[in-house]
Amino acid sequence: MRDHSRLRELWTAASGSLQERLTAINSLRVEGPRRPIEMSAVRDLLVRRGVWRRLQVHALMGRTADLRARLGQPDVSEGVRASVHLQGLVGENAILQVSQFGVLKKLLDDICADSVIAPDDVSALWALSETSTPWWVSVYGRPISTFDLIEAQLAA
């Protein structure tokens, strides 16, 4: 026997006719599994948000690392190094697998620490990996029908 507790909750919260309630319940979605991120999509998003050029300029400071060392100056920041690495991944047209998201998180955290990108830019980048799935997939494997309502003792 299935656990109908979630269906009962949703049914109680829904309003309208039987068909309107079924349609509303079947349209609800939940967070699905993460998907890989194409680095070209990262670039496109940062261009649209007006941040890509700033990131490119920030990465140029990476070229001064050797000169700074010879002159006894402080080294470039981790954010500069992260900007260089991020641009390299974009240039390779890499696809970042879910198991590699820790690397991207570290790069974004370092770049964000240098105030090159904002936290909302980071959130927008993570949204590239988000998926959603109908809530009923894990319990029923198909949309809810009148038969499910009868089984859950919800049909009038």
Protein backbone atom coordinates (compact mmCIF):
# COMPACT_ATOMS: atom_id res chain seq x y z
CA MET A 1 0.00 0.00 0.00
CA ARG A 2 1.30 3.44 -0.90
CA ASP A 3 1.84 6.25 1.56
CA HIS A 4 -0.78 8.81 0.56
CA SER A 5 0.07 11.39 3.25
CA ARG A 6 1.55 13.93 0.80
CA LEU A 7 -1.41 13.50 -1.55
CA ARG A 8 -3.78 14.12 1.35
CA GLU A 9 -1.91 17.32 2.30
CA LEU A 10 -1.98 18.63 -1.26
CA TRP A 11 -5.61 17.68 -1.76
CA THR A 12 -6.64 19.56 1.38
CA ALA A 13 -4.74 22.67 0.26
CA ALA A 14 -6.15 22.61 -3.31
CA SER A 15 -9.46 24.18 -4.24
CA GLY A 16 -11.93 23.97 -7.09
CA SER A 17 -13.61 21.10 -8.88
CA LEU A 18 -12.22 17.58 -8.84
CA GLN A 19 -10.49 18.11 -12.21
CA GLU A 20 -9.13 21.54 -11.21
CA ARG A 21 -7.67 20.08 -8.02
CA LEU A 22 -6.14 17.14 -9.91
CA THR A 23 -4.60 19.51 -12.45
CA ALA A 24 -3.20 21.74 -9.70
CA ILE A 25 -1.75 18.78 -7.78
CA ASN A 26 -0.21 17.19 -10.87
CA SER A 27 1.47 20.46 -11.88
CA LEU A 28 3.42 20.82 -8.62
CA ARG A 29 7.16 20.31 -8.95
CA VAL A 30 10.01 19.66 -6.52
CA GLU A 31 13.77 20.05 -6.77
CA GLY A 32 15.26 17.37 -8.99
CA PRO A 33 18.81 16.10 -9.30
CA ARG A 34 21.56 18.53 -10.26
CA ARG A 35 22.84 18.39 -13.84
CA PRO A 36 26.28 19.17 -15.29
CA ILE A 37 27.06 22.79 -16.18
CA GLU A 38 28.44 23.74 -19.57
CA MET A 39 31.08 26.39 -19.02
CA SER A 40 29.94 28.20 -22.16
CA ALA A 41 26.62 28.73 -20.34
CA VAL A 42 28.56 30.23 -17.42
CA ARG A 43 30.18 32.72 -19.80
CA ASP A 44 26.85 33.55 -21.47
CA LEU A 45 25.21 34.16 -18.10
CA LEU A 46 28.05 36.39 -16.88
CA VAL A 47 27.95 38.35 -20.15
CA ARG A 48 24.19 38.88 -19.78
CA ARG A 49 24.69 40.04 -16.19
CA GLY A 50 27.44 42.48 -17.25
CA VAL A 51 30.15 40.76 -15.19
CA TRP A 52 32.25 38.91 -17.79
CA ARG A 53 34.44 41.89 -18.76
CA ARG A 54 35.15 42.68 -15.11
CA LEU A 55 36.20 39.06 -14.61
CA GLN A 56 38.49 39.23 -17.65
CA VAL A 57 40.16 42.40 -16.38
CA HIS A 58 40.55 40.87 -12.93
CA ALA A 59 42.20 37.80 -14.45
CA LEU A 60 44.75 40.01 -16.23
CA MET A 61 46.31 40.75 -12.86
CA GLY A 62 47.40 37.10 -12.85
CA ARG A 63 50.02 38.04 -15.42
CA THR A 64 51.75 40.21 -12.84
CA ALA A 65 52.46 37.37 -10.38
CA ASP A 66 56.09 36.81 -11.50
CA LEU A 67 56.84 40.53 -11.59
CA ARG A 68 55.36 40.99 -8.12
CA ALA A 69 57.53 38.17 -6.78
CA ARG A 70 60.70 39.70 -8.28
CA LEU A 71 59.86 43.11 -6.84
CA GLY A 72 59.01 41.70 -3.42
CA GLN A 73 55.41 42.81 -3.73
CA PRO A 74 52.45 40.89 -2.27
CA ASP A 75 51.24 38.02 -4.42
CA VAL A 76 47.99 38.25 -6.40
CA SER A 77 44.84 37.21 -4.56
CA GLU A 78 43.18 33.81 -4.74
CA GLY A 79 40.34 35.60 -6.54
CA VAL A 80 42.71 36.60 -9.35
CA ARG A 81 43.95 33.01 -9.65
CA ALA A 82 40.35 31.77 -9.60
CA SER A 83 39.42 34.23 -12.37
CA VAL A 84 42.27 32.86 -14.51
CA HIS A 85 41.17 29.27 -13.88
CA LEU A 86 37.51 30.02 -14.56
CA GLN A 87 38.41 31.66 -17.86
CA GLY A 88 40.52 28.62 -18.73
CA LEU A 89 37.58 26.29 -18.12
CA VAL A 90 35.34 28.49 -20.24
CA GLY A 91 37.98 28.63 -23.01
CA GLU A 92 38.21 24.83 -23.05
CA ASN A 93 34.41 24.70 -23.38
CA ALA A 94 34.49 22.28 -20.46
CA ILE A 95 31.46 20.59 -19.01
CA LEU A 96 31.58 20.52 -15.25
CA GLN A 97 30.13 17.32 -13.83
CA VAL A 98 28.16 17.34 -10.58
CA SER A 99 31.05 15.59 -8.83
CA GLN A 100 33.28 18.57 -9.76
CA PHE A 101 31.00 21.26 -8.32
CA GLY A 102 33.32 21.66 -5.33
CA VAL A 103 35.94 23.10 -7.69
CA LEU A 104 33.48 25.62 -9.11
CA LYS A 105 32.30 26.56 -5.62
CA LYS A 106 35.89 27.29 -4.55
CA LEU A 107 36.53 29.40 -7.67
CA LEU A 108 33.31 31.37 -7.24
CA ASP A 109 33.90 31.91 -3.51
CA ASP A 110 37.40 33.29 -4.21
CA ILE A 111 36.19 35.56 -7.01
CA CYS A 112 33.29 36.75 -4.87
CA ALA A 113 35.71 37.52 -2.01
CA ASP A 114 37.45 39.98 -4.35
CA SER A 115 34.05 41.62 -5.06
CA VAL A 116 34.32 40.87 -8.78
CA ILE A 117 31.02 39.02 -8.78
CA ALA A 118 28.17 39.34 -6.31
CA PRO A 119 26.42 36.59 -4.35
CA ASP A 120 23.37 36.92 -6.63
CA ASP A 121 25.65 36.22 -9.63
CA VAL A 122 26.82 33.06 -7.86
CA SER A 123 23.21 32.03 -7.19
CA ALA A 124 22.36 32.57 -10.85
CA LEU A 125 25.31 30.39 -11.85
CA TRP A 126 24.20 27.56 -9.55
CA ALA A 127 20.71 27.80 -11.03
CA LEU A 128 22.21 26.52 -14.29
CA SER A 129 22.49 23.08 -12.66
CA GLU A 130 19.03 22.96 -11.14
CA THR A 131 16.28 20.70 -12.39
CA SER A 132 12.78 20.05 -11.20
CA THR A 133 10.55 17.02 -11.36
CA PRO A 134 6.86 16.44 -10.66
CA TRP A 135 6.35 15.70 -6.96
CA TRP A 136 4.44 12.48 -7.69
CA VAL A 137 7.29 10.73 -9.56
CA SER A 138 8.87 9.20 -6.45
CA VAL A 139 5.64 7.77 -5.04
CA TYR A 140 3.35 7.08 -7.98
CA GLY A 141 5.59 7.15 -11.06
CA ARG A 142 2.78 8.79 -13.03
CA PRO A 143 0.34 11.69 -12.66
CA ILE A 144 -2.30 11.38 -9.95
CA SER A 145 -5.65 10.09 -11.19
CA THR A 146 -9.11 9.65 -9.74
CA PHE A 147 -8.17 6.05 -8.90
CA ASP A 148 -5.42 7.34 -6.61
CA LEU A 149 -7.93 9.63 -4.92
CA ILE A 150 -10.25 6.67 -4.31
CA GLU A 151 -7.36 4.60 -2.93
CA ALA A 152 -6.38 7.50 -0.64
CA GLN A 153 -10.09 7.90 0.29
CA LEU A 154 -10.23 11.48 -0.96
CA ALA A 155 -12.77 11.26 -3.78
CA ALA A 156 -16.19 12.67 -2.98
